[in-house]
Amino acid sequence: MKYLKILFLFLLIGNLSCSPRPKLTSDQKAAHRWSIKPKATLDFAYGTVIEMKVKIIDGYHLGVSKGYGRYMMKVLEINGKSVDESLIFEFDNSYHPNKFPRDNFELYKHLYDEEIGMITNEMRLEMEKYYIDRIYNIVAFESGKFVGIPDGFGKYDVVPSGIKGLVFRNHLVILTDLTKE
């Protein structure tokens, strides 16, 4: 009788654990199979506060669309150690919007303390003399965000034409500037 009770419990537990899984749609299966798994570019977990030496570069010369009209940071040192590989990041300047302009219009405002509606190529080149290739010692952390439209979203007729695909973009969040001027 004791063995019969054990067998009954074993069968009951086995049936409960084998309950059917909910059916996934083909879009859900594809999303699960090809899901984006964000990974930090630096050898630190997201959100780790790090001292860095960075150089401001013009994203236009990177030859990628995300860089056009944007300024980026190239990491030269992390915690006092030189970086061998080319680590280039967009950056979040929320804590220092006037110190680290991210685009031509923010740079104009930074330099001339006024906003402007259009910037010519000549103006851009003149302004960049005071910003591009400048070296800063900063404290920052790596973060990121999803950009774009996930697959299957277009069937709801809310997606602007020409936008497709979903990517994860890493960026630096600048906390403070340690540069001695």
Protein backbone atom coordinates (compact mmCIF):
# COMPACT_ATOMS: atom_id res chain seq x y z
CA MET A 1 0.00 0.00 0.00
CA LYS A 2 2.86 2.37 0.84
CA TYR A 3 4.41 1.82 -2.62
CA LEU A 4 1.05 2.40 -4.27
CA LYS A 5 0.71 5.82 -2.57
CA ILE A 6 4.23 6.78 -3.68
CA LEU A 7 3.46 5.71 -7.26
CA PHE A 8 0.21 7.70 -7.21
CA LEU A 9 2.04 10.86 -5.99
CA PHE A 10 4.73 10.37 -8.62
CA LEU A 11 2.13 10.13 -11.42
CA LEU A 12 0.19 13.13 -10.10
CA ILE A 13 3.29 15.33 -9.92
CA GLY A 14 4.38 14.15 -13.37
CA ASN A 15 1.05 15.13 -14.92
CA LEU A 16 1.03 18.57 -13.28
CA SER A 17 4.51 19.41 -14.55
CA CYS A 18 3.65 18.35 -18.10
CA SER A 19 0.74 20.73 -18.54
CA PRO A 20 0.56 22.08 -22.11
CA ARG A 21 2.36 25.35 -22.88
CA PRO A 22 0.40 28.18 -24.46
CA LYS A 23 0.66 28.28 -28.25
CA LEU A 24 2.86 31.07 -29.64
CA THR A 25 2.05 32.96 -32.81
CA SER A 26 4.62 32.88 -35.61
CA ASP A 27 5.64 36.48 -34.74
CA GLN A 28 6.15 35.50 -31.10
CA LYS A 29 8.22 32.46 -32.12
CA ALA A 30 10.40 34.62 -34.37
CA ALA A 31 10.81 37.26 -31.65
CA HIS A 32 11.80 34.59 -29.15
CA ARG A 33 14.26 32.96 -31.58
CA TRP A 34 15.86 36.23 -32.72
CA SER A 35 15.47 38.28 -29.55
CA ILE A 36 18.02 41.01 -28.97
CA LYS A 37 20.24 40.41 -25.99
CA PRO A 38 21.87 43.70 -24.91
CA LYS A 39 25.55 43.37 -24.03
CA ALA A 40 27.80 46.00 -22.54
CA THR A 41 30.61 47.11 -24.85
CA LEU A 42 32.94 47.90 -21.98
CA ASP A 43 34.21 45.11 -19.75
CA PHE A 44 31.93 46.31 -16.95
CA ALA A 45 28.28 45.67 -16.17
CA TYR A 46 25.78 48.30 -17.28
CA GLY A 47 25.60 51.08 -14.70
CA THR A 48 29.14 50.63 -13.36
CA VAL A 49 30.59 54.09 -12.67
CA ILE A 50 33.97 54.43 -14.42
CA GLU A 51 36.60 57.15 -14.84
CA MET A 52 37.51 57.59 -18.51
CA LYS A 53 39.62 59.70 -20.76
CA VAL A 54 37.65 60.40 -23.95
CA LYS A 55 38.10 62.34 -27.16
CA ILE A 56 35.23 64.14 -28.91
CA ILE A 57 34.89 63.00 -32.52
CA ASP A 58 32.62 64.00 -35.38
CA GLY A 59 30.23 61.14 -36.06
CA TYR A 60 29.90 62.26 -39.69
CA HIS A 61 33.25 60.68 -40.55
CA LEU A 62 32.28 57.26 -39.17
CA GLY A 63 30.27 56.50 -42.31
CA VAL A 64 27.21 55.26 -40.43
CA SER A 65 23.84 56.98 -40.45
CA LYS A 66 23.60 57.21 -36.65
CA GLY A 67 26.68 59.44 -36.69
CA TYR A 68 25.57 62.12 -39.15
CA GLY A 69 25.23 65.48 -37.44
CA ARG A 70 26.20 63.97 -34.08
CA TYR A 71 29.26 64.16 -31.89
CA MET A 72 30.51 61.03 -30.20
CA MET A 73 33.11 60.02 -27.65
CA LYS A 74 36.05 57.77 -28.37
CA VAL A 75 37.30 56.09 -25.21
CA LEU A 76 41.09 56.42 -24.82
CA GLU A 77 41.55 55.22 -21.21
CA ILE A 78 39.43 53.42 -18.62
CA ASN A 79 40.40 53.86 -14.97
CA GLY A 80 43.84 55.10 -16.05
CA LYS A 81 44.59 52.21 -18.43
CA SER A 82 44.90 52.70 -22.19
CA VAL A 83 42.29 51.09 -24.41
CA ASP A 84 43.65 49.15 -27.37
CA GLU A 85 40.45 48.80 -29.36
CA SER A 86 38.33 51.55 -30.87
CA LEU A 87 35.40 52.16 -28.50
CA ILE A 88 33.09 54.87 -29.85
CA PHE A 89 29.90 55.88 -28.08
CA GLU A 90 26.98 58.23 -28.40
CA PHE A 91 26.50 59.97 -25.07
CA ASP A 92 23.79 61.25 -22.78
CA ASN A 93 24.59 64.75 -21.56
CA SER A 94 21.55 65.18 -19.28
CA TYR A 95 23.74 66.14 -16.32
CA HIS A 96 25.91 68.52 -18.39
CA PRO A 97 23.89 69.71 -21.42
CA ASN A 98 25.98 72.85 -21.92
CA LYS A 99 29.37 71.20 -21.38
CA PHE A 100 29.05 68.30 -23.83
CA PRO A 101 27.05 69.22 -26.95
CA ARG A 102 25.78 66.19 -28.88
CA ASP A 103 25.06 67.86 -32.21
CA ASN A 104 25.69 71.01 -34.27
CA PHE A 105 22.78 72.93 -32.75
CA GLU A 106 23.80 72.19 -29.16
CA LEU A 107 27.38 73.20 -30.04
CA TYR A 108 26.15 76.50 -31.50
CA LYS A 109 24.18 77.19 -28.31
CA HIS A 110 27.22 76.24 -26.21
CA LEU A 111 29.55 78.58 -28.10
CA TYR A 112 27.27 81.55 -28.77
CA ASP A 113 24.65 81.21 -26.01
CA GLU A 114 21.75 81.42 -28.46
CA GLU A 115 19.74 79.06 -30.62
CA ILE A 116 19.76 79.02 -34.40
CA GLY A 117 17.47 77.42 -36.98
CA MET A 118 20.04 76.48 -39.64
CA ILE A 119 23.77 75.82 -39.64
CA THR A 120 25.79 75.94 -42.85
CA ASN A 121 28.72 73.65 -43.50
CA GLU A 122 31.11 76.60 -43.12
CA MET A 123 29.60 77.46 -39.72
CA ARG A 124 29.85 73.83 -38.62
CA LEU A 125 33.51 73.57 -39.60
CA GLU A 126 34.34 76.81 -37.77
CA MET A 127 32.53 75.74 -34.59
CA GLU A 128 34.10 72.28 -34.57
CA LYS A 129 37.58 73.80 -34.28
CA TYR A 130 36.70 74.46 -30.63
CA TYR A 131 35.26 71.03 -29.87
CA ILE A 132 36.37 68.15 -32.11
CA ASP A 133 39.47 66.23 -30.89
CA ARG A 134 39.20 67.79 -27.45
CA ILE A 135 40.18 65.41 -24.62
CA TYR A 136 38.11 65.16 -21.44
CA ASN A 137 38.48 63.19 -18.21
CA ILE A 138 34.98 62.14 -17.25
CA VAL A 139 33.10 59.92 -14.85
CA ALA A 140 30.40 57.99 -16.68
CA PHE A 141 28.59 54.69 -16.94
CA GLU A 142 27.48 52.61 -19.89
CA SER A 143 23.78 52.30 -20.56
CA GLY A 144 21.67 51.66 -23.62
CA LYS A 145 18.27 51.73 -25.25
CA PHE A 146 16.25 50.00 -27.90
CA VAL A 147 15.81 51.99 -31.10
CA GLY A 148 13.52 51.20 -34.02
CA ILE A 149 10.42 49.15 -34.61
CA PRO A 150 10.10 45.47 -33.70
CA ASP A 151 9.06 42.93 -36.33
CA GLY A 152 5.31 42.42 -36.65
CA PHE A 153 4.48 45.88 -35.36
CA GLY A 154 3.68 47.23 -38.85
CA LYS A 155 0.42 45.33 -39.09
CA TYR A 156 -1.12 47.89 -36.72
CA ASP A 157 -0.72 50.77 -39.22
CA VAL A 158 1.10 53.06 -36.80
CA VAL A 159 4.61 52.70 -38.20
CA PRO A 160 5.98 55.55 -40.31
CA SER A 161 7.17 54.32 -43.68
CA GLY A 162 10.87 53.64 -44.03
CA ILE A 163 11.40 52.65 -40.39
CA LYS A 164 12.05 48.99 -39.70
CA GLY A 165 14.13 46.79 -37.50
CA LEU A 166 14.94 47.00 -33.82
CA VAL A 167 18.45 47.46 -32.46
CA PHE A 168 20.00 48.09 -29.07
CA ARG A 169 22.39 51.04 -28.90
CA ASN A 170 24.86 51.46 -26.08
CA HIS A 171 25.78 54.94 -24.89
CA LEU A 172 27.67 56.67 -22.10
CA VAL A 173 25.88 58.65 -19.42
CA ILE A 174 28.24 61.42 -18.31
CA LEU A 175 28.05 62.08 -14.57
CA THR A 176 30.83 64.62 -14.13
CA ASP A 177 33.79 66.23 -15.85
CA LEU A 178 37.15 65.88 -14.07
CA THR A 179 39.10 67.82 -16.71
CA LYS A 180 41.35 70.51 -15.28
CA GLU A 181 41.32 73.52 -17.57
